[in-house]
């Protein structure tokens, strides 16, 4: 029942994102090739690479380590666009990043996991099927976005009418999923925070810094740099929680998949950095 609620919530959140997208949003990214390249480097290359390096430095292996890699493959969510807006970043570019990342996650996530799983959990056969996992991720994360985009094209007035309430509901579902996981897994969250917290918080901070550095290196403007940093630093924990539950039913005490726990912990920890980041970027 819980897994059904999680997958349904994720599908609706991604559908809501699709409703907000117009062809112009994708054109924004392609008309700014430097910004698009920077986002691709940060999201698809640097984020998984930094996550893997941190795992090796901290000596973290096993299910939790693979859970961190799952998180590193997740795109930013609707909340990243909200953080970008609050930070006075380029919202259109942020939406483009999130949309494009959501479309390719079905391919990149299974590929990266298939490469890192034998290293992080060599003693365990996860039984990871790239095709099967790709199909599941596509169904839950990519297909709902495409459906939302199609409705926006088919009936723009209907999409505009649905956009605000669906966005509000999606944000509410994200908060509800997070609170529900925390309430149900509070003891587990506290127990594993010392193990996962340092890696996840450092990953968050390093990716924010890398996003800023890549943006400055490519001489993007301030709002674009802000968007790039947000998309690199803040990931969609809901996708990580759901994907973790799809890969394995092995649970920690309390009923949460061991592969999902890092995404749940991260979703809370990133709140620690969001407020200072927003205040700093607004002050520039």
C-alpha atoms as a PDB file:
ATOM      1  CA  UNK A   1       0.000   0.000   0.000  1.00  0.00           C
ATOM      2  CA  UNK A   2       2.803   2.396   0.935  1.00  0.00           C
ATOM      3  CA  UNK A   3       4.690   1.584  -2.279  1.00  0.00           C
ATOM      4  CA  UNK A   4       1.523   2.239  -4.292  1.00  0.00           C
ATOM      5  CA  UNK A   5       1.103   5.642  -2.638  1.00  0.00           C
ATOM      6  CA  UNK A   6       4.752   6.503  -3.275  1.00  0.00           C
ATOM      7  CA  UNK A   7       4.678   5.528  -6.940  1.00  0.00           C
ATOM      8  CA  UNK A   8       1.343   7.268  -7.492  1.00  0.00           C
ATOM      9  CA  UNK A   9       2.612  10.450  -5.826  1.00  0.00           C
ATOM     10  CA  UNK A  10       5.786  10.435  -7.923  1.00  0.00           C
ATOM     11  CA  UNK A  11       3.864   9.909 -11.168  1.00  0.00           C
ATOM     12  CA  UNK A  12       1.546  12.825 -10.364  1.00  0.00           C
ATOM     13  CA  UNK A  13       4.455  15.090  -9.371  1.00  0.00           C
ATOM     14  CA  UNK A  14       6.142  14.433 -12.715  1.00  0.00           C
ATOM     15  CA  UNK A  15       2.821  14.850 -14.572  1.00  0.00           C
ATOM     16  CA  UNK A  16       2.416  18.249 -12.916  1.00  0.00           C
ATOM     17  CA  UNK A  17       5.872  19.206 -14.153  1.00  0.00           C
ATOM     18  CA  UNK A  18       4.880  18.247 -17.690  1.00  0.00           C
ATOM     19  CA  UNK A  19       1.751  20.403 -17.532  1.00  0.00           C
ATOM     20  CA  UNK A  20       3.916  23.442 -16.857  1.00  0.00           C
ATOM     21  CA  UNK A  21       6.144  22.867 -19.898  1.00  0.00           C
ATOM     22  CA  UNK A  22       5.891  24.544 -23.268  1.00  0.00           C
ATOM     23  CA  UNK A  23       8.039  23.979 -26.374  1.00  0.00           C
ATOM     24  CA  UNK A  24       9.642  27.345 -25.641  1.00  0.00           C
ATOM     25  CA  UNK A  25      11.000  25.925 -22.389  1.00  0.00           C
ATOM     26  CA  UNK A  26      13.053  23.377 -24.300  1.00  0.00           C
ATOM     27  CA  UNK A  27      14.030  26.018 -26.862  1.00  0.00           C
ATOM     28  CA  UNK A  28      15.431  28.162 -24.042  1.00  0.00           C
ATOM     29  CA  UNK A  29      17.945  25.455 -23.254  1.00  0.00           C
ATOM     30  CA  UNK A  30      18.927  24.734 -26.847  1.00  0.00           C
ATOM     31  CA  UNK A  31      19.279  28.440 -27.609  1.00  0.00           C
ATOM     32  CA  UNK A  32      21.736  28.666 -24.713  1.00  0.00           C
ATOM     33  CA  UNK A  33      24.142  25.829 -25.572  1.00  0.00           C
ATOM     34  CA  UNK A  34      26.754  26.842 -22.996  1.00  0.00           C
ATOM     35  CA  UNK A  35      24.183  26.692 -20.199  1.00  0.00           C
ATOM     36  CA  UNK A  36      22.853  23.361 -21.498  1.00  0.00           C
ATOM     37  CA  UNK A  37      26.348  21.865 -21.684  1.00  0.00           C
ATOM     38  CA  UNK A  38      27.112  23.110 -18.165  1.00  0.00           C
ATOM     39  CA  UNK A  39      23.937  21.532 -16.838  1.00  0.00           C
ATOM     40  CA  UNK A  40      24.672  18.219 -18.575  1.00  0.00           C
ATOM     41  CA  UNK A  41      28.219  18.136 -17.185  1.00  0.00           C
ATOM     42  CA  UNK A  42      27.056  18.881 -13.645  1.00  0.00           C
ATOM     43  CA  UNK A  43      23.976  16.642 -13.634  1.00  0.00           C
ATOM     44  CA  UNK A  44      25.049  13.566 -15.579  1.00  0.00           C
ATOM     45  CA  UNK A  45      28.812  13.471 -15.052  1.00  0.00           C
ATOM     46  CA  UNK A  46      29.952  15.388 -11.973  1.00  0.00           C
ATOM     47  CA  UNK A  47      27.105  14.449  -9.613  1.00  0.00           C
ATOM     48  CA  UNK A  48      27.454  10.630  -9.888  1.00  0.00           C
ATOM     49  CA  UNK A  49      31.255  10.931 -10.008  1.00  0.00           C
ATOM     50  CA  UNK A  50      31.455  13.079  -6.853  1.00  0.00           C
ATOM     51  CA  UNK A  51      28.974  10.782  -5.090  1.00  0.00           C
ATOM     52  CA  UNK A  52      31.078   7.729  -5.937  1.00  0.00           C
ATOM     53  CA  UNK A  53      34.325   9.424  -4.833  1.00  0.00           C
ATOM     54  CA  UNK A  54      32.770  10.457  -1.508  1.00  0.00           C
ATOM     55  CA  UNK A  55      31.580   6.902  -0.910  1.00  0.00           C
ATOM     56  CA  UNK A  56      35.112   5.626  -1.430  1.00  0.00           C
ATOM     57  CA  UNK A  57      36.613   8.320   0.810  1.00  0.00           C
ATOM     58  CA  UNK A  58      34.163   7.621   3.637  1.00  0.00           C
ATOM     59  CA  UNK A  59      34.456   3.871   3.107  1.00  0.00           C
ATOM     60  CA  UNK A  60      30.691   3.471   2.768  1.00  0.00           C
ATOM     61  CA  UNK A  61      29.637   0.301   0.965  1.00  0.00           C
ATOM     62  CA  UNK A  62      26.606  -1.936   0.741  1.00  0.00           C
ATOM     63  CA  UNK A  63      22.963  -1.088   0.225  1.00  0.00           C
ATOM     64  CA  UNK A  64      23.244   2.439   1.616  1.00  0.00           C
ATOM     65  CA  UNK A  65      26.111   3.225  -0.764  1.00  0.00           C
ATOM     66  CA  UNK A  66      24.048   2.117  -3.763  1.00  0.00           C
ATOM     67  CA  UNK A  67      21.184   4.196  -2.375  1.00  0.00           C
ATOM     68  CA  UNK A  68      23.446   7.253  -2.523  1.00  0.00           C
ATOM     69  CA  UNK A  69      24.230   6.448  -6.163  1.00  0.00           C
ATOM     70  CA  UNK A  70      20.492   6.176  -6.895  1.00  0.00           C
ATOM     71  CA  UNK A  71      20.046   9.656  -5.453  1.00  0.00           C
ATOM     72  CA  UNK A  72      22.930  11.020  -7.526  1.00  0.00           C
ATOM     73  CA  UNK A  73      21.156   9.903 -10.712  1.00  0.00           C
ATOM     74  CA  UNK A  74      17.891  11.665  -9.877  1.00  0.00           C
ATOM     75  CA  UNK A  75      16.939  14.932 -11.609  1.00  0.00           C
ATOM     76  CA  UNK A  76      15.841  18.011  -9.737  1.00  0.00           C
ATOM     77  CA  UNK A  77      12.148  18.144  -8.976  1.00  0.00           C
ATOM     78  CA  UNK A  78       9.458  20.793  -9.008  1.00  0.00           C
ATOM     79  CA  UNK A  79      10.969  22.152  -5.812  1.00  0.00           C
ATOM     80  CA  UNK A  80      14.223  23.001  -7.644  1.00  0.00           C
ATOM     81  CA  UNK A  81      12.292  25.436  -9.836  1.00  0.00           C
ATOM     82  CA  UNK A  82      10.772  26.981  -6.707  1.00  0.00           C
ATOM     83  CA  UNK A  83      14.212  27.327  -5.088  1.00  0.00           C
ATOM     84  CA  UNK A  84      15.526  28.854  -8.327  1.00  0.00           C
ATOM     85  CA  UNK A  85      12.711  31.383  -8.333  1.00  0.00           C
ATOM     86  CA  UNK A  86      13.305  32.303  -4.688  1.00  0.00           C
ATOM     87  CA  UNK A  87      17.033  32.624  -5.427  1.00  0.00           C
ATOM     88  CA  UNK A  88      16.346  34.947  -8.380  1.00  0.00           C
ATOM     89  CA  UNK A  89      17.721  32.454 -10.843  1.00  0.00           C
ATOM     90  CA  UNK A  90      16.667  31.739 -14.424  1.00  0.00           C
ATOM     91  CA  UNK A  91      13.423  29.805 -13.875  1.00  0.00           C
ATOM     92  CA  UNK A  92      12.906  28.942 -17.555  1.00  0.00           C
ATOM     93  CA  UNK A  93      16.379  27.440 -17.692  1.00  0.00           C
ATOM     94  CA  UNK A  94      15.760  25.552 -14.446  1.00  0.00           C
ATOM     95  CA  UNK A  95      12.566  24.051 -15.864  1.00  0.00           C
ATOM     96  CA  UNK A  96      14.459  23.069 -19.022  1.00  0.00           C
ATOM     97  CA  UNK A  97      17.168  21.358 -16.992  1.00  0.00           C
ATOM     98  CA  UNK A  98      14.628  19.446 -14.925  1.00  0.00           C
ATOM     99  CA  UNK A  99      12.561  18.437 -17.947  1.00  0.00           C
ATOM    100  CA  UNK A 100      15.513  17.222 -19.990  1.00  0.00           C
ATOM    101  CA  UNK A 101      17.015  15.368 -17.019  1.00  0.00           C
ATOM    102  CA  UNK A 102      13.654  13.714 -16.324  1.00  0.00           C
ATOM    103  CA  UNK A 103      13.485  12.488 -19.914  1.00  0.00           C
ATOM    104  CA  UNK A 104      16.916  10.839 -19.876  1.00  0.00           C
ATOM    105  CA  UNK A 105      16.928   9.522 -16.296  1.00  0.00           C
ATOM    106  CA  UNK A 106      15.297   6.296 -17.485  1.00  0.00           C
ATOM    107  CA  UNK A 107      18.499   5.574 -19.409  1.00  0.00           C
ATOM    108  CA  UNK A 108      21.225   7.098 -17.221  1.00  0.00           C
ATOM    109  CA  UNK A 109      20.074   5.797 -13.815  1.00  0.00           C
ATOM    110  CA  UNK A 110      20.070   2.052 -14.664  1.00  0.00           C
ATOM    111  CA  UNK A 111      23.352   2.429 -16.572  1.00  0.00           C
ATOM    112  CA  UNK A 112      25.195   4.092 -13.683  1.00  0.00           C
ATOM    113  CA  UNK A 113      23.783   1.631 -11.157  1.00  0.00           C
ATOM    114  CA  UNK A 114      24.844  -1.335 -13.288  1.00  0.00           C
ATOM    115  CA  UNK A 115      28.406   0.041 -13.344  1.00  0.00           C
ATOM    116  CA  UNK A 116      28.673   0.867  -9.636  1.00  0.00           C
ATOM    117  CA  UNK A 117      26.663  -1.959  -8.003  1.00  0.00           C
ATOM    118  CA  UNK A 118      29.376  -4.637  -8.521  1.00  0.00           C
ATOM    119  CA  UNK A 119      31.893  -2.312  -6.825  1.00  0.00           C
ATOM    120  CA  UNK A 120      29.734  -1.099  -3.944  1.00  0.00           C
ATOM    121  CA  UNK A 121      28.050  -4.396  -3.106  1.00  0.00           C
ATOM    122  CA  UNK A 122      30.316  -7.091  -4.598  1.00  0.00           C
ATOM    123  CA  UNK A 123      29.092  -9.715  -2.137  1.00  0.00           C
ATOM    124  CA  UNK A 124      25.464  -9.289  -3.156  1.00  0.00           C
ATOM    125  CA  UNK A 125      23.680  -9.972  -6.427  1.00  0.00           C
ATOM    126  CA  UNK A 126      21.163  -7.151  -6.704  1.00  0.00           C
ATOM    127  CA  UNK A 127      19.608  -8.796  -9.725  1.00  0.00           C
ATOM    128  CA  UNK A 128      19.627  -5.436 -11.486  1.00  0.00           C
ATOM    129  CA  UNK A 129      18.025  -5.632 -14.900  1.00  0.00           C
ATOM    130  CA  UNK A 130      18.828  -2.508 -16.889  1.00  0.00           C
ATOM    131  CA  UNK A 131      15.875  -2.954 -19.236  1.00  0.00           C
ATOM    132  CA  UNK A 132      13.393  -3.687 -16.460  1.00  0.00           C
ATOM    133  CA  UNK A 133      14.562  -0.785 -14.315  1.00  0.00           C
ATOM    134  CA  UNK A 134      14.641   1.554 -17.324  1.00  0.00           C
ATOM    135  CA  UNK A 135      11.047   0.621 -18.094  1.00  0.00           C
ATOM    136  CA  UNK A 136       9.957   1.264 -14.503  1.00  0.00           C
ATOM    137  CA  UNK A 137      11.739   4.613 -14.278  1.00  0.00           C
ATOM    138  CA  UNK A 138      10.376   5.622 -17.692  1.00  0.00           C
ATOM    139  CA  UNK A 139       6.840   4.744 -16.582  1.00  0.00           C
ATOM    140  CA  UNK A 140       7.087   6.676 -13.313  1.00  0.00           C
ATOM    141  CA  UNK A 141       9.310   9.643 -14.145  1.00  0.00           C
ATOM    142  CA  UNK A 142       9.458  10.207 -17.900  1.00  0.00           C
ATOM    143  CA  UNK A 143       6.073   9.092 -19.253  1.00  0.00           C
ATOM    144  CA  UNK A 144       4.040  11.330 -16.871  1.00  0.00           C
ATOM    145  CA  UNK A 145       6.141  14.332 -17.976  1.00  0.00           C
ATOM    146  CA  UNK A 146       5.471  13.515 -21.641  1.00  0.00           C
ATOM    147  CA  UNK A 147       1.758  13.094 -20.901  1.00  0.00           C
ATOM    148  CA  UNK A 148       1.653  16.508 -19.235  1.00  0.00           C
ATOM    149  CA  UNK A 149       3.492  18.093 -22.183  1.00  0.00           C
ATOM    150  CA  UNK A 150       1.071  16.440 -24.634  1.00  0.00           C
ATOM    151  CA  UNK A 151      -1.968  17.779 -22.751  1.00  0.00           C
ATOM    152  CA  UNK A 152      -0.355  21.229 -22.737  1.00  0.00           C
ATOM    153  CA  UNK A 153      -0.069  21.012 -26.533  1.00  0.00           C
ATOM    154  CA  UNK A 154      -3.439  19.358 -27.122  1.00  0.00           C
ATOM    155  CA  UNK A 155      -5.483  21.706 -24.908  1.00  0.00           C
ATOM    156  CA  UNK A 156      -3.438  24.673 -23.634  1.00  0.00           C
ATOM    157  CA  UNK A 157      -6.399  26.263 -21.858  1.00  0.00           C
ATOM    158  CA  UNK A 158      -7.122  23.072 -19.940  1.00  0.00           C
ATOM    159  CA  UNK A 159      -3.449  22.697 -19.035  1.00  0.00           C
ATOM    160  CA  UNK A 160      -3.218  26.288 -17.810  1.00  0.00           C
ATOM    161  CA  UNK A 161      -6.363  25.786 -15.724  1.00  0.00           C
ATOM    162  CA  UNK A 162      -4.939  22.618 -14.201  1.00  0.00           C
ATOM    163  CA  UNK A 163      -1.391  23.925 -13.802  1.00  0.00           C
ATOM    164  CA  UNK A 164      -1.682  25.883 -10.539  1.00  0.00           C
ATOM    165  CA  UNK A 165      -3.824  23.392  -8.583  1.00  0.00           C
ATOM    166  CA  UNK A 166      -1.794  20.432  -9.856  1.00  0.00           C
ATOM    167  CA  UNK A 167       1.461  22.184  -8.946  1.00  0.00           C
ATOM    168  CA  UNK A 168       0.135  22.954  -5.467  1.00  0.00           C
ATOM    169  CA  UNK A 169      -1.028  19.370  -5.055  1.00  0.00           C
ATOM    170  CA  UNK A 170       2.319  18.048  -6.325  1.00  0.00           C
ATOM    171  CA  UNK A 171       4.227  20.170  -3.811  1.00  0.00           C
ATOM    172  CA  UNK A 172       1.815  19.008  -1.128  1.00  0.00           C
ATOM    173  CA  UNK A 173       2.385  15.377  -2.089  1.00  0.00           C
ATOM    174  CA  UNK A 174       6.160  15.885  -1.962  1.00  0.00           C
ATOM    175  CA  UNK A 175       5.895  17.328   1.549  1.00  0.00           C
ATOM    176  CA  UNK A 176       3.428  14.615   2.579  1.00  0.00           C
ATOM    177  CA  UNK A 177       5.728  11.839   1.310  1.00  0.00           C
ATOM    178  CA  UNK A 178       8.663  13.358   3.172  1.00  0.00           C
ATOM    179  CA  UNK A 179       6.726  13.869   6.415  1.00  0.00           C
ATOM    180  CA  UNK A 180       5.159  10.420   6.134  1.00  0.00           C
ATOM    181  CA  UNK A 181       8.562   8.788   5.692  1.00  0.00           C
ATOM    182  CA  UNK A 182       9.994  10.767   8.602  1.00  0.00           C
ATOM    183  CA  UNK A 183       7.129   9.932  10.949  1.00  0.00           C
ATOM    184  CA  UNK A 184       7.195   6.269  10.046  1.00  0.00           C
ATOM    185  CA  UNK A 185      10.996   6.015   9.992  1.00  0.00           C
ATOM    186  CA  UNK A 186      12.075   8.558  12.626  1.00  0.00           C
ATOM    187  CA  UNK A 187      14.022   6.060  14.734  1.00  0.00           C
ATOM    188  CA  UNK A 188      15.696   4.693  11.624  1.00  0.00           C
ATOM    189  CA  UNK A 189      16.441   8.221  10.370  1.00  0.00           C
ATOM    190  CA  UNK A 190      18.134   9.181  13.641  1.00  0.00           C
ATOM    191  CA  UNK A 191      19.990   5.868  13.883  1.00  0.00           C
ATOM    192  CA  UNK A 192      21.571   6.164  10.424  1.00  0.00           C
ATOM    193  CA  UNK A 193      22.020   9.948  10.298  1.00  0.00           C
ATOM    194  CA  UNK A 194      25.624   9.742  11.635  1.00  0.00           C
ATOM    195  CA  UNK A 195      26.442   7.211   8.901  1.00  0.00           C
ATOM    196  CA  UNK A 196      24.726   8.867   5.933  1.00  0.00           C
ATOM    197  CA  UNK A 197      24.585  12.509   7.032  1.00  0.00           C
ATOM    198  CA  UNK A 198      28.231  13.528   6.409  1.00  0.00           C
ATOM    199  CA  UNK A 199      28.331  11.976   2.917  1.00  0.00           C
ATOM    200  CA  UNK A 200      24.985  13.405   1.826  1.00  0.00           C
ATOM    201  CA  UNK A 201      25.514  16.884   3.262  1.00  0.00           C
ATOM    202  CA  UNK A 202      28.972  17.100   1.713  1.00  0.00           C
ATOM    203  CA  UNK A 203      27.569  15.891  -1.622  1.00  0.00           C
ATOM    204  CA  UNK A 204      24.944  18.624  -1.488  1.00  0.00           C
ATOM    205  CA  UNK A 205      27.478  21.366  -0.653  1.00  0.00           C
ATOM    206  CA  UNK A 206      30.078  20.219  -3.176  1.00  0.00           C
ATOM    207  CA  UNK A 207      27.534  20.091  -6.005  1.00  0.00           C
ATOM    208  CA  UNK A 208      26.267  23.577  -5.169  1.00  0.00           C
ATOM    209  CA  UNK A 209      29.874  24.806  -5.337  1.00  0.00           C
ATOM    210  CA  UNK A 210      30.628  22.858  -8.532  1.00  0.00           C
ATOM    211  CA  UNK A 211      27.495  24.263 -10.167  1.00  0.00           C
ATOM    212  CA  UNK A 212      28.664  27.777  -9.318  1.00  0.00           C
ATOM    213  CA  UNK A 213      32.232  27.047 -10.501  1.00  0.00           C
ATOM    214  CA  UNK A 214      31.172  25.519 -13.850  1.00  0.00           C
ATOM    215  CA  UNK A 215      28.808  28.440 -14.439  1.00  0.00           C
ATOM    216  CA  UNK A 216      31.544  30.994 -13.776  1.00  0.00           C
ATOM    217  CA  UNK A 217      34.030  29.023 -15.884  1.00  0.00           C
ATOM    218  CA  UNK A 218      31.663  29.148 -18.860  1.00  0.00           C
ATOM    219  CA  UNK A 219      30.914  32.822 -18.137  1.00  0.00           C
ATOM    220  CA  UNK A 220      27.179  32.399 -17.718  1.00  0.00           C
ATOM    221  CA  UNK A 221      25.204  35.278 -16.281  1.00  0.00           C
ATOM    222  CA  UNK A 222      24.280  35.413 -12.591  1.00  0.00           C
ATOM    223  CA  UNK A 223      20.736  34.048 -12.945  1.00  0.00           C
ATOM    224  CA  UNK A 224      21.948  31.143 -15.112  1.00  0.00           C
ATOM    225  CA  UNK A 225      24.693  30.318 -12.622  1.00  0.00           C
ATOM    226  CA  UNK A 226      22.120  30.248  -9.832  1.00  0.00           C
ATOM    227  CA  UNK A 227      19.889  27.880 -11.820  1.00  0.00           C
ATOM    228  CA  UNK A 228      22.809  25.593 -12.620  1.00  0.00           C
ATOM    229  CA  UNK A 229      23.890  25.451  -8.981  1.00  0.00           C
ATOM    230  CA  UNK A 230      20.368  24.643  -7.779  1.00  0.00           C
ATOM    231  CA  UNK A 231      19.857  21.888 -10.346  1.00  0.00           C
ATOM    232  CA  UNK A 232      23.245  20.367  -9.532  1.00  0.00           C
ATOM    233  CA  UNK A 233      22.813  20.587  -5.764  1.00  0.00           C
ATOM    234  CA  UNK A 234      19.177  19.750  -5.050  1.00  0.00           C
ATOM    235  CA  UNK A 235      17.858  16.370  -6.199  1.00  0.00           C
ATOM    236  CA  UNK A 236      14.386  14.842  -6.304  1.00  0.00           C
ATOM    237  CA  UNK A 237      14.387  12.624  -3.215  1.00  0.00           C
ATOM    238  CA  UNK A 238      10.969  11.208  -4.072  1.00  0.00           C
ATOM    239  CA  UNK A 239      12.367   9.522  -7.186  1.00  0.00           C
ATOM    240  CA  UNK A 240      15.209   8.076  -5.132  1.00  0.00           C
ATOM    241  CA  UNK A 241      12.835   6.715  -2.498  1.00  0.00           C
ATOM    242  CA  UNK A 242      10.577   5.089  -5.092  1.00  0.00           C
ATOM    243  CA  UNK A 243      13.401   3.664  -7.238  1.00  0.00           C
ATOM    244  CA  UNK A 244      15.041   2.246  -4.113  1.00  0.00           C
ATOM    245  CA  UNK A 245      11.833   0.427  -3.227  1.00  0.00           C
ATOM    246  CA  UNK A 246      11.541  -0.923  -6.779  1.00  0.00           C
ATOM    247  CA  UNK A 247      15.046  -2.397  -6.767  1.00  0.00           C
ATOM    248  CA  UNK A 248      14.841  -4.235  -3.465  1.00  0.00           C
ATOM    249  CA  UNK A 249      12.281  -5.167  -0.855  1.00  0.00           C
ATOM    250  CA  UNK A 250      14.977  -5.630   1.799  1.00  0.00           C
ATOM    251  CA  UNK A 251      13.847  -3.292   4.570  1.00  0.00           C
ATOM    252  CA  UNK A 252      15.434  -1.506   7.469  1.00  0.00           C
ATOM    253  CA  UNK A 253      13.504  -1.526  10.728  1.00  0.00           C
ATOM    254  CA  UNK A 254      10.275   0.358  10.136  1.00  0.00           C
ATOM    255  CA  UNK A 255       9.519  -0.708   6.564  1.00  0.00           C
ATOM    256  CA  UNK A 256      11.672   1.537   4.315  1.00  0.00           C
ATOM    257  CA  UNK A 257      13.875  -0.035   1.638  1.00  0.00           C
ATOM    258  CA  UNK A 258      17.572   0.144   2.494  1.00  0.00           C
ATOM    259  CA  UNK A 259      18.195   1.576  -0.969  1.00  0.00           C
ATOM    260  CA  UNK A 260      15.615   4.322  -0.297  1.00  0.00           C
ATOM    261  CA  UNK A 261      16.925   5.526   3.059  1.00  0.00           C
ATOM    262  CA  UNK A 262      19.723   7.784   1.692  1.00  0.00           C
ATOM    263  CA  UNK A 263      17.196   9.692  -0.438  1.00  0.00           C
ATOM    264  CA  UNK A 264      14.913  10.149   2.580  1.00  0.00           C
ATOM    265  CA  UNK A 265      17.797  11.432   4.711  1.00  0.00           C
ATOM    266  CA  UNK A 266      18.989  13.712   1.900  1.00  0.00           C
ATOM    267  CA  UNK A 267      15.530  15.234   1.421  1.00  0.00           C
ATOM    268  CA  UNK A 268      15.708  16.506   4.991  1.00  0.00           C
ATOM    269  CA  UNK A 269      19.364  17.518   5.044  1.00  0.00           C
ATOM    270  CA  UNK A 270      19.114  19.646   1.917  1.00  0.00           C
ATOM    271  CA  UNK A 271      16.686  21.900   3.792  1.00  0.00           C
ATOM    272  CA  UNK A 272      19.677  22.905   5.927  1.00  0.00           C
ATOM    273  CA  UNK A 273      21.420  24.438   2.906  1.00  0.00           C
ATOM    274  CA  UNK A 274      18.422  25.747   0.934  1.00  0.00           C
ATOM    275  CA  UNK A 275      17.668  28.737   3.197  1.00  0.00           C
ATOM    276  CA  UNK A 276      21.267  30.068   3.416  1.00  0.00           C
ATOM    277  CA  UNK A 277      21.709  29.559  -0.342  1.00  0.00           C
ATOM    278  CA  UNK A 278      18.503  31.418  -1.197  1.00  0.00           C
ATOM    279  CA  UNK A 279      19.361  34.316   1.130  1.00  0.00           C
ATOM    280  CA  UNK A 280      22.875  34.550  -0.273  1.00  0.00           C
ATOM    281  CA  UNK A 281      21.838  34.567  -3.935  1.00  0.00           C
ATOM    282  CA  UNK A 282      19.110  37.134  -3.245  1.00  0.00           C
ATOM    283  CA  UNK A 283      21.639  39.436  -1.597  1.00  0.00           C
ATOM    284  CA  UNK A 284      23.915  39.564  -4.675  1.00  0.00           C
END
